[in-house]
Amino acid sequence: MEGLNYIAASIAVLGSALAAAYGNGQVISKTIECMARQPEMAKELKSTMFIGVGLIEAVPILGVVIALLLIFL
């Protein structure tokens, strides 16, 4: 049963990394699209994008924490 903890931990990290990559891609893609449509809003859009990307990057960190809990507890 010890091996199942490692499999569960790897699935947690993989899932969170894939979700964050997809989310970051969507946020950046839509921001660039909006900048192309309204160049005068580029500064505001860029700052909002960085906040969104920062929040999305919390997902893999939580995945790693869950993986560590599964392995060591």
C-alpha atoms as a PDB file:
ATOM      1  CA  MET A   1       0.000   0.000   0.000  1.00  0.00           C
ATOM      2  CA  GLU A   2       3.016   2.294   0.348  1.00  0.00           C
ATOM      3  CA  GLY A   3       3.405   2.508  -3.410  1.00  0.00           C
ATOM      4  CA  LEU A   4      -0.093   3.921  -3.810  1.00  0.00           C
ATOM      5  CA  ASN A   5       0.889   7.011  -1.824  1.00  0.00           C
ATOM      6  CA  TYR A   6       3.631   7.750  -4.348  1.00  0.00           C
ATOM      7  CA  ILE A   7       1.235   7.276  -7.253  1.00  0.00           C
ATOM      8  CA  ALA A   8      -1.328   9.576  -5.618  1.00  0.00           C
ATOM      9  CA  ALA A   9       1.350  12.191  -4.947  1.00  0.00           C
ATOM     10  CA  SER A  10       2.539  12.121  -8.543  1.00  0.00           C
ATOM     11  CA  ILE A  11      -1.037  12.456  -9.808  1.00  0.00           C
ATOM     12  CA  ALA A  12      -1.588  15.459  -7.506  1.00  0.00           C
ATOM     13  CA  VAL A  13       1.521  17.218  -8.808  1.00  0.00           C
ATOM     14  CA  LEU A  14       0.818  16.327 -12.438  1.00  0.00           C
ATOM     15  CA  GLY A  15      -2.797  17.468 -12.281  1.00  0.00           C
ATOM     16  CA  SER A  16      -1.991  20.748 -10.596  1.00  0.00           C
ATOM     17  CA  ALA A  17       0.859  21.481 -13.024  1.00  0.00           C
ATOM     18  CA  LEU A  18      -1.325  20.778 -16.055  1.00  0.00           C
ATOM     19  CA  ALA A  19      -4.165  22.890 -14.684  1.00  0.00           C
ATOM     20  CA  ALA A  20      -1.836  25.800 -13.975  1.00  0.00           C
ATOM     21  CA  ALA A  21      -0.254  25.574 -17.428  1.00  0.00           C
ATOM     22  CA  TYR A  22      -3.666  25.599 -19.099  1.00  0.00           C
ATOM     23  CA  GLY A  23      -4.888  28.463 -16.913  1.00  0.00           C
ATOM     24  CA  ASN A  24      -1.801  30.573 -17.537  1.00  0.00           C
ATOM     25  CA  GLY A  25      -2.107  29.970 -21.264  1.00  0.00           C
ATOM     26  CA  GLN A  26      -5.710  31.117 -21.265  1.00  0.00           C
ATOM     27  CA  VAL A  27      -5.046  34.224 -19.189  1.00  0.00           C
ATOM     28  CA  ILE A  28      -2.069  35.315 -21.270  1.00  0.00           C
ATOM     29  CA  SER A  29      -3.844  34.540 -24.537  1.00  0.00           C
ATOM     30  CA  LYS A  30      -6.900  36.586 -23.639  1.00  0.00           C
ATOM     31  CA  THR A  31      -4.772  39.448 -22.346  1.00  0.00           C
ATOM     32  CA  ILE A  32      -2.815  39.650 -25.600  1.00  0.00           C
ATOM     33  CA  GLU A  33      -6.084  39.502 -27.529  1.00  0.00           C
ATOM     34  CA  CYS A  34      -7.491  42.389 -25.495  1.00  0.00           C
ATOM     35  CA  MET A  35      -4.275  44.391 -25.911  1.00  0.00           C
ATOM     36  CA  ALA A  36      -4.522  43.977 -29.674  1.00  0.00           C
ATOM     37  CA  ARG A  37      -8.089  45.293 -29.617  1.00  0.00           C
ATOM     38  CA  GLN A  38      -7.490  48.161 -27.195  1.00  0.00           C
ATOM     39  CA  PRO A  39      -3.819  49.183 -27.077  1.00  0.00           C
ATOM     40  CA  GLU A  40      -4.569  52.122 -24.781  1.00  0.00           C
ATOM     41  CA  MET A  41      -5.595  49.682 -22.023  1.00  0.00           C
ATOM     42  CA  ALA A  42      -2.337  47.697 -22.214  1.00  0.00           C
ATOM     43  CA  LYS A  43      -0.926  48.915 -18.898  1.00  0.00           C
ATOM     44  CA  GLU A  44      -4.051  48.085 -16.903  1.00  0.00           C
ATOM     45  CA  LEU A  45      -4.481  44.756 -18.647  1.00  0.00           C
ATOM     46  CA  LYS A  46      -0.867  43.799 -18.009  1.00  0.00           C
ATOM     47  CA  SER A  47      -1.098  44.476 -14.270  1.00  0.00           C
ATOM     48  CA  THR A  48      -4.346  42.525 -14.030  1.00  0.00           C
ATOM     49  CA  MET A  49      -2.766  39.671 -15.987  1.00  0.00           C
ATOM     50  CA  PHE A  50       0.161  39.465 -13.562  1.00  0.00           C
ATOM     51  CA  ILE A  51      -2.225  39.280 -10.604  1.00  0.00           C
ATOM     52  CA  GLY A  52      -4.171  36.492 -12.316  1.00  0.00           C
ATOM     53  CA  VAL A  53      -1.043  34.544 -13.207  1.00  0.00           C
ATOM     54  CA  GLY A  54       0.187  34.878  -9.634  1.00  0.00           C
ATOM     55  CA  LEU A  55      -3.062  33.468  -8.293  1.00  0.00           C
ATOM     56  CA  ILE A  56      -2.978  30.618 -10.794  1.00  0.00           C
ATOM     57  CA  GLU A  57       0.592  29.758  -9.766  1.00  0.00           C
ATOM     58  CA  ALA A  58      -0.687  28.994  -6.261  1.00  0.00           C
ATOM     59  CA  VAL A  59      -2.318  25.829  -7.642  1.00  0.00           C
ATOM     60  CA  PRO A  60       0.917  23.864  -8.281  1.00  0.00           C
ATOM     61  CA  ILE A  61       2.260  24.944  -4.911  1.00  0.00           C
ATOM     62  CA  LEU A  62      -0.813  23.453  -3.266  1.00  0.00           C
ATOM     63  CA  GLY A  63      -0.355  20.317  -5.384  1.00  0.00           C
ATOM     64  CA  VAL A  64       3.197  19.908  -4.100  1.00  0.00           C
ATOM     65  CA  VAL A  65       2.032  20.427  -0.513  1.00  0.00           C
ATOM     66  CA  ILE A  66      -0.627  17.753  -0.954  1.00  0.00           C
ATOM     67  CA  ALA A  67       1.956  15.421  -2.514  1.00  0.00           C
ATOM     68  CA  LEU A  68       4.321  15.930   0.413  1.00  0.00           C
ATOM     69  CA  LEU A  69       1.507  15.234   2.849  1.00  0.00           C
ATOM     70  CA  LEU A  70       0.660  12.028   1.019  1.00  0.00           C
ATOM     71  CA  ILE A  71       4.253  10.843   1.058  1.00  0.00           C
ATOM     72  CA  PHE A  72       5.326  11.766   4.576  1.00  0.00           C
ATOM     73  CA  LEU A  73       2.108  11.363   6.596  1.00  0.00           C
END
